[in-house]
Amino acid sequence: MHLSVYDRWGSKVFHQQGTPTPWDGKISGKSALPGVYLIKVQYELTDDTGEVQMGHLVQQLVILE
């Protein structure tokens, strides 16, 4: 699994690969500024037949304060 967070200008501000770790809302150790961020999750799952299923989820996040 890959989890990436991007700011409104498309700069990656967080990336995590492997075991899911939630984003703590910080960028370089400081709380993220209010604004719009994009979260992208890419994943691979193996179904009962052993076939690998790949997918992704993209979600908008708004930090108000």
PDB file of N, CA and C in Angstrom:
ATOM      1  N   MET A   1       0.836  -1.168   0.000  1.00  0.00           N
ATOM      2  CA  MET A   1       0.000   0.000   0.000  1.00  0.00           C
ATOM      3  C   MET A   1       0.884   1.235   0.000  1.00  0.00           C
ATOM      4  N   HIS A   2       0.463   2.252  -0.733  1.00  0.00           N
ATOM      5  CA  HIS A   2       1.133   3.550  -0.756  1.00  0.00           C
ATOM      6  C   HIS A   2       0.112   4.610  -0.355  1.00  0.00           C
ATOM      7  N   LEU A   3       0.492   5.473   0.546  1.00  0.00           N
ATOM      8  CA  LEU A   3      -0.349   6.594   0.958  1.00  0.00           C
ATOM      9  C   LEU A   3       0.440   7.867   0.716  1.00  0.00           C
ATOM     10  N   SER A   4      -0.109   8.778  -0.082  1.00  0.00           N
ATOM     11  CA  SER A   4       0.547  10.051  -0.366  1.00  0.00           C
ATOM     12  C   SER A   4      -0.426  11.186  -0.104  1.00  0.00           C
ATOM     13  N   VAL A   5       0.121  12.297   0.378  1.00  0.00           N
ATOM     14  CA  VAL A   5      -0.671  13.505   0.604  1.00  0.00           C
ATOM     15  C   VAL A   5       0.009  14.626  -0.166  1.00  0.00           C
ATOM     16  N   TYR A   6      -0.805  15.377  -0.920  1.00  0.00           N
ATOM     17  CA  TYR A   6      -0.303  16.478  -1.744  1.00  0.00           C
ATOM     18  C   TYR A   6      -0.968  17.773  -1.315  1.00  0.00           C
ATOM     19  N   ASP A   7      -0.215  18.882  -1.408  1.00  0.00           N
ATOM     20  CA  ASP A   7      -0.823  20.181  -1.119  1.00  0.00           C
ATOM     21  C   ASP A   7      -1.530  20.694  -2.375  1.00  0.00           C
ATOM     22  N   ARG A   8      -2.122  21.865  -2.295  1.00  0.00           N
ATOM     23  CA  ARG A   8      -2.925  22.386  -3.410  1.00  0.00           C
ATOM     24  C   ARG A   8      -2.110  22.686  -4.652  1.00  0.00           C
ATOM     25  N   TRP A   9      -0.782  22.750  -4.530  1.00  0.00           N
ATOM     26  CA  TRP A   9       0.083  23.013  -5.678  1.00  0.00           C
ATOM     27  C   TRP A   9       0.672  21.721  -6.253  1.00  0.00           C
ATOM     28  N   GLY A  10       0.268  20.583  -5.699  1.00  0.00           N
ATOM     29  CA  GLY A  10       0.729  19.300  -6.209  1.00  0.00           C
ATOM     30  C   GLY A  10       2.025  18.800  -5.611  1.00  0.00           C
ATOM     31  N   SER A  11       2.551  19.477  -4.602  1.00  0.00           N
ATOM     32  CA  SER A  11       3.769  19.019  -3.940  1.00  0.00           C
ATOM     33  C   SER A  11       3.429  17.917  -2.946  1.00  0.00           C
ATOM     34  N   LYS A  12       4.184  16.832  -2.970  1.00  0.00           N
ATOM     35  CA  LYS A  12       3.960  15.735  -2.037  1.00  0.00           C
ATOM     36  C   LYS A  12       4.469  16.160  -0.660  1.00  0.00           C
ATOM     37  N   VAL A  13       3.575  16.149   0.342  1.00  0.00           N
ATOM     38  CA  VAL A  13       3.946  16.573   1.691  1.00  0.00           C
ATOM     39  C   VAL A  13       4.043  15.394   2.654  1.00  0.00           C
ATOM     40  N   PHE A  14       3.582  14.214   2.225  1.00  0.00           N
ATOM     41  CA  PHE A  14       3.668  13.005   3.053  1.00  0.00           C
ATOM     42  C   PHE A  14       3.611  11.800   2.136  1.00  0.00           C
ATOM     43  N   HIS A  15       4.420  10.797   2.459  1.00  0.00           N
ATOM     44  CA  HIS A  15       4.359   9.537   1.720  1.00  0.00           C
ATOM     45  C   HIS A  15       4.668   8.403   2.681  1.00  0.00           C
ATOM     46  N   GLN A  16       3.903   7.337   2.578  1.00  0.00           N
ATOM     47  CA  GLN A  16       4.102   6.163   3.410  1.00  0.00           C
ATOM     48  C   GLN A  16       3.895   4.941   2.539  1.00  0.00           C
ATOM     49  N   GLN A  17       4.789   3.976   2.649  1.00  0.00           N
ATOM     50  CA  GLN A  17       4.692   2.754   1.856  1.00  0.00           C
ATOM     51  C   GLN A  17       4.756   1.568   2.799  1.00  0.00           C
ATOM     52  N   GLY A  18       3.964   0.553   2.510  1.00  0.00           N
ATOM     53  CA  GLY A  18       3.961  -0.650   3.345  1.00  0.00           C
ATOM     54  C   GLY A  18       2.845  -0.593   4.371  1.00  0.00           C
ATOM     55  N   THR A  19       3.189  -0.899   5.616  1.00  0.00           N
ATOM     56  CA  THR A  19       2.206  -0.915   6.692  1.00  0.00           C
ATOM     57  C   THR A  19       1.573   0.462   6.829  1.00  0.00           C
ATOM     58  N   PRO A  20       0.246   0.536   6.779  1.00  0.00           N
ATOM     59  CA  PRO A  20      -0.424   1.844   6.822  1.00  0.00           C
ATOM     60  C   PRO A  20      -0.132   2.612   8.113  1.00  0.00           C
ATOM     61  N   THR A  21       0.299   3.834   7.950  1.00  0.00           N
ATOM     62  CA  THR A  21       0.504   4.763   9.056  1.00  0.00           C
ATOM     63  C   THR A  21      -0.269   6.021   8.713  1.00  0.00           C
ATOM     64  N   PRO A  22      -1.172   6.439   9.567  1.00  0.00           N
ATOM     65  CA  PRO A  22      -1.957   7.631   9.225  1.00  0.00           C
ATOM     66  C   PRO A  22      -1.093   8.886   9.208  1.00  0.00           C
ATOM     67  N   TRP A  23      -1.491   9.842   8.368  1.00  0.00           N
ATOM     68  CA  TRP A  23      -0.832  11.145   8.333  1.00  0.00           C
ATOM     69  C   TRP A  23      -1.250  11.902   9.576  1.00  0.00           C
ATOM     70  N   ASP A  24      -0.288  12.452  10.286  1.00  0.00           N
ATOM     71  CA  ASP A  24      -0.587  13.186  11.523  1.00  0.00           C
ATOM     72  C   ASP A  24      -0.906  14.652  11.288  1.00  0.00           C
ATOM     73  N   GLY A  25      -1.011  15.058  10.020  1.00  0.00           N
ATOM     74  CA  GLY A  25      -1.358  16.435   9.707  1.00  0.00           C
ATOM     75  C   GLY A  25      -0.185  17.391   9.810  1.00  0.00           C
ATOM     76  N   LYS A  26       1.031  16.838   9.850  1.00  0.00           N
ATOM     77  CA  LYS A  26       2.213  17.683   9.958  1.00  0.00           C
ATOM     78  C   LYS A  26       3.041  17.620   8.683  1.00  0.00           C
ATOM     79  N   ILE A  27       3.689  18.735   8.381  1.00  0.00           N
ATOM     80  CA  ILE A  27       4.596  18.843   7.247  1.00  0.00           C
ATOM     81  C   ILE A  27       5.927  19.320   7.809  1.00  0.00           C
ATOM     82  N   SER A  28       6.949  18.519   7.651  1.00  0.00           N
ATOM     83  CA  SER A  28       8.288  18.837   8.188  1.00  0.00           C
ATOM     84  C   SER A  28       8.219  19.166   9.679  1.00  0.00           C
ATOM     85  N   GLY A  29       7.404  18.401  10.417  1.00  0.00           N
ATOM     86  CA  GLY A  29       7.307  18.557  11.859  1.00  0.00           C
ATOM     87  C   GLY A  29       6.380  19.648  12.352  1.00  0.00           C
ATOM     88  N   LYS A  30       5.808  20.429  11.437  1.00  0.00           N
ATOM     89  CA  LYS A  30       4.893  21.513  11.831  1.00  0.00           C
ATOM     90  C   LYS A  30       3.491  21.202  11.346  1.00  0.00           C
ATOM     91  N   SER A  31       2.489  21.645  12.080  1.00  0.00           N
ATOM     92  CA  SER A  31       1.100  21.434  11.670  1.00  0.00           C
ATOM     93  C   SER A  31       0.857  22.028  10.289  1.00  0.00           C
ATOM     94  N   ALA A  32       0.156  21.267   9.448  1.00  0.00           N
ATOM     95  CA  ALA A  32      -0.161  21.735   8.098  1.00  0.00           C
ATOM     96  C   ALA A  32      -1.035  22.985   8.179  1.00  0.00           C
ATOM     97  N   LEU A  33      -0.791  23.897   7.265  1.00  0.00           N
ATOM     98  CA  LEU A  33      -1.600  25.117   7.211  1.00  0.00           C
ATOM     99  C   LEU A  33      -3.012  24.787   6.738  1.00  0.00           C
ATOM    100  N   PRO A  34      -3.991  25.597   7.148  1.00  0.00           N
ATOM    101  CA  PRO A  34      -5.341  25.392   6.627  1.00  0.00           C
ATOM    102  C   PRO A  34      -5.331  25.440   5.106  1.00  0.00           C
ATOM    103  N   GLY A  35      -6.149  24.595   4.496  1.00  0.00           N
ATOM    104  CA  GLY A  35      -6.220  24.562   3.048  1.00  0.00           C
ATOM    105  C   GLY A  35      -6.705  23.226   2.539  1.00  0.00           C
ATOM    106  N   VAL A  36      -6.590  23.041   1.238  1.00  0.00           N
ATOM    107  CA  VAL A  36      -7.057  21.829   0.573  1.00  0.00           C
ATOM    108  C   VAL A  36      -5.866  20.919   0.299  1.00  0.00           C
ATOM    109  N   TYR A  37      -6.009  19.650   0.636  1.00  0.00           N
ATOM    110  CA  TYR A  37      -4.990  18.642   0.404  1.00  0.00           C
ATOM    111  C   TYR A  37      -5.639  17.468  -0.322  1.00  0.00           C
ATOM    112  N   LEU A  38      -4.837  16.712  -1.017  1.00  0.00           N
ATOM    113  CA  LEU A  38      -5.314  15.552  -1.755  1.00  0.00           C
ATOM    114  C   LEU A  38      -4.641  14.318  -1.183  1.00  0.00           C
ATOM    115  N   ILE A  39      -5.438  13.316  -0.840  1.00  0.00           N
ATOM    116  CA  ILE A  39      -4.910  12.055  -0.331  1.00  0.00           C
ATOM    117  C   ILE A  39      -5.085  11.000  -1.407  1.00  0.00           C
ATOM    118  N   LYS A  40      -4.013  10.275  -1.700  1.00  0.00           N
ATOM    119  CA  LYS A  40      -4.064   9.215  -2.702  1.00  0.00           C
ATOM    120  C   LYS A  40      -3.570   7.918  -2.068  1.00  0.00           C
ATOM    121  N   VAL A  41      -4.392   6.885  -2.162  1.00  0.00           N
ATOM    122  CA  VAL A  41      -4.043   5.563  -1.651  1.00  0.00           C
ATOM    123  C   VAL A  41      -4.004   4.604  -2.828  1.00  0.00           C
ATOM    124  N   GLN A  42      -2.882   3.921  -3.004  1.00  0.00           N
ATOM    125  CA  GLN A  42      -2.748   2.876  -4.022  1.00  0.00           C
ATOM    126  C   GLN A  42      -2.581   1.559  -3.270  1.00  0.00           C
ATOM    127  N   TYR A  43      -3.269   0.518  -3.742  1.00  0.00           N
ATOM    128  CA  TYR A  43      -3.208  -0.746  -3.012  1.00  0.00           C
ATOM    129  C   TYR A  43      -3.223  -1.936  -3.964  1.00  0.00           C
ATOM    130  N   GLU A  44      -2.777  -3.068  -3.434  1.00  0.00           N
ATOM    131  CA  GLU A  44      -2.842  -4.355  -4.122  1.00  0.00           C
ATOM    132  C   GLU A  44      -3.410  -5.358  -3.124  1.00  0.00           C
ATOM    133  N   LEU A  45      -4.414  -6.096  -3.559  1.00  0.00           N
ATOM    134  CA  LEU A  45      -5.034  -7.128  -2.726  1.00  0.00           C
ATOM    135  C   LEU A  45      -5.027  -8.443  -3.494  1.00  0.00           C
ATOM    136  N   THR A  46      -4.844  -9.530  -2.778  1.00  0.00           N
ATOM    137  CA  THR A  46      -4.917 -10.847  -3.399  1.00  0.00           C
ATOM    138  C   THR A  46      -6.266 -11.457  -3.044  1.00  0.00           C
ATOM    139  N   ASP A  47      -7.051 -11.861  -4.067  1.00  0.00           N
ATOM    140  CA  ASP A  47      -8.369 -12.442  -3.794  1.00  0.00           C
ATOM    141  C   ASP A  47      -8.251 -13.938  -3.500  1.00  0.00           C
ATOM    142  N   ASP A  48      -9.382 -14.577  -3.302  1.00  0.00           N
ATOM    143  CA  ASP A  48      -9.413 -16.004  -2.926  1.00  0.00           C
ATOM    144  C   ASP A  48      -8.789 -16.914  -3.973  1.00  0.00           C
ATOM    145  N   THR A  49      -8.751 -16.484  -5.229  1.00  0.00           N
ATOM    146  CA  THR A  49      -8.183 -17.314  -6.288  1.00  0.00           C
ATOM    147  C   THR A  49      -6.683 -17.078  -6.456  1.00  0.00           C
ATOM    148  N   GLY A  50      -6.124 -16.140  -5.698  1.00  0.00           N
ATOM    149  CA  GLY A  50      -4.710 -15.816  -5.810  1.00  0.00           C
ATOM    150  C   GLY A  50      -4.423 -14.709  -6.807  1.00  0.00           C
ATOM    151  N   GLU A  51      -5.476 -14.194  -7.441  1.00  0.00           N
ATOM    152  CA  GLU A  51      -5.299 -13.112  -8.401  1.00  0.00           C
ATOM    153  C   GLU A  51      -5.127 -11.788  -7.674  1.00  0.00           C
ATOM    154  N   VAL A  52      -4.165 -11.002  -8.139  1.00  0.00           N
ATOM    155  CA  VAL A  52      -3.885  -9.709  -7.521  1.00  0.00           C
ATOM    156  C   VAL A  52      -4.813  -8.657  -8.115  1.00  0.00           C
ATOM    157  N   GLN A  53      -5.475  -7.946  -7.224  1.00  0.00           N
ATOM    158  CA  GLN A  53      -6.366  -6.854  -7.610  1.00  0.00           C
ATOM    159  C   GLN A  53      -5.684  -5.544  -7.204  1.00  0.00           C
ATOM    160  N   MET A  54      -5.542  -4.628  -8.161  1.00  0.00           N
ATOM    161  CA  MET A  54      -4.919  -3.343  -7.870  1.00  0.00           C
ATOM    162  C   MET A  54      -5.954  -2.234  -7.982  1.00  0.00           C
ATOM    163  N   GLY A  55      -5.781  -1.207  -7.193  1.00  0.00           N
ATOM    164  CA  GLY A  55      -6.711  -0.098  -7.262  1.00  0.00           C
ATOM    165  C   GLY A  55      -6.154   1.130  -6.575  1.00  0.00           C
ATOM    166  N   HIS A  56      -6.932   2.185  -6.604  1.00  0.00           N
ATOM    167  CA  HIS A  56      -6.530   3.407  -5.930  1.00  0.00           C
ATOM    168  C   HIS A  56      -7.764   4.192  -5.495  1.00  0.00           C
ATOM    169  N   LEU A  57      -7.541   5.042  -4.529  1.00  0.00           N
ATOM    170  CA  LEU A  57      -8.576   5.912  -3.990  1.00  0.00           C
ATOM    171  C   LEU A  57      -7.976   7.303  -3.883  1.00  0.00           C
ATOM    172  N   VAL A  58      -8.691   8.301  -4.339  1.00  0.00           N
ATOM    173  CA  VAL A  58      -8.253   9.684  -4.238  1.00  0.00           C
ATOM    174  C   VAL A  58      -9.346  10.445  -3.497  1.00  0.00           C
ATOM    175  N   GLN A  59      -8.937  11.191  -2.475  1.00  0.00           N
ATOM    176  CA  GLN A  59      -9.905  11.905  -1.649  1.00  0.00           C
ATOM    177  C   GLN A  59      -9.375  13.301  -1.327  1.00  0.00           C
ATOM    178  N   GLN A  60     -10.245  14.265  -1.347  1.00  0.00           N
ATOM    179  CA  GLN A  60      -9.893  15.630  -0.976  1.00  0.00           C
ATOM    180  C   GLN A  60     -10.037  15.782   0.529  1.00  0.00           C
ATOM    181  N   LEU A  61      -9.116  16.537   1.128  1.00  0.00           N
ATOM    182  CA  LEU A  61      -9.148  16.817   2.566  1.00  0.00           C
ATOM    183  C   LEU A  61      -9.028  18.313   2.754  1.00  0.00           C
ATOM    184  N   VAL A  62      -9.882  18.887   3.579  1.00  0.00           N
ATOM    185  CA  VAL A  62      -9.819  20.320   3.863  1.00  0.00           C
ATOM    186  C   VAL A  62      -9.466  20.494   5.330  1.00  0.00           C
ATOM    187  N   ILE A  63      -8.377  21.207   5.592  1.00  0.00           N
ATOM    188  CA  ILE A  63      -7.990  21.543   6.961  1.00  0.00           C
ATOM    189  C   ILE A  63      -8.458  22.965   7.206  1.00  0.00           C
ATOM    190  N   LEU A  64      -9.313  23.124   8.206  1.00  0.00           N
ATOM    191  CA  LEU A  64      -9.914  24.432   8.459  1.00  0.00           C
ATOM    192  C   LEU A  64      -9.088  25.276   9.421  1.00  0.00           C
ATOM    193  N   GLU A  65      -8.532  24.703  10.443  1.00  0.00           N
ATOM    194  CA  GLU A  65      -7.749  25.471  11.419  1.00  0.00           C
ATOM    195  C   GLU A  65      -6.529  24.715  11.817  1.00  0.00           C
TER     196      GLU A  65
END
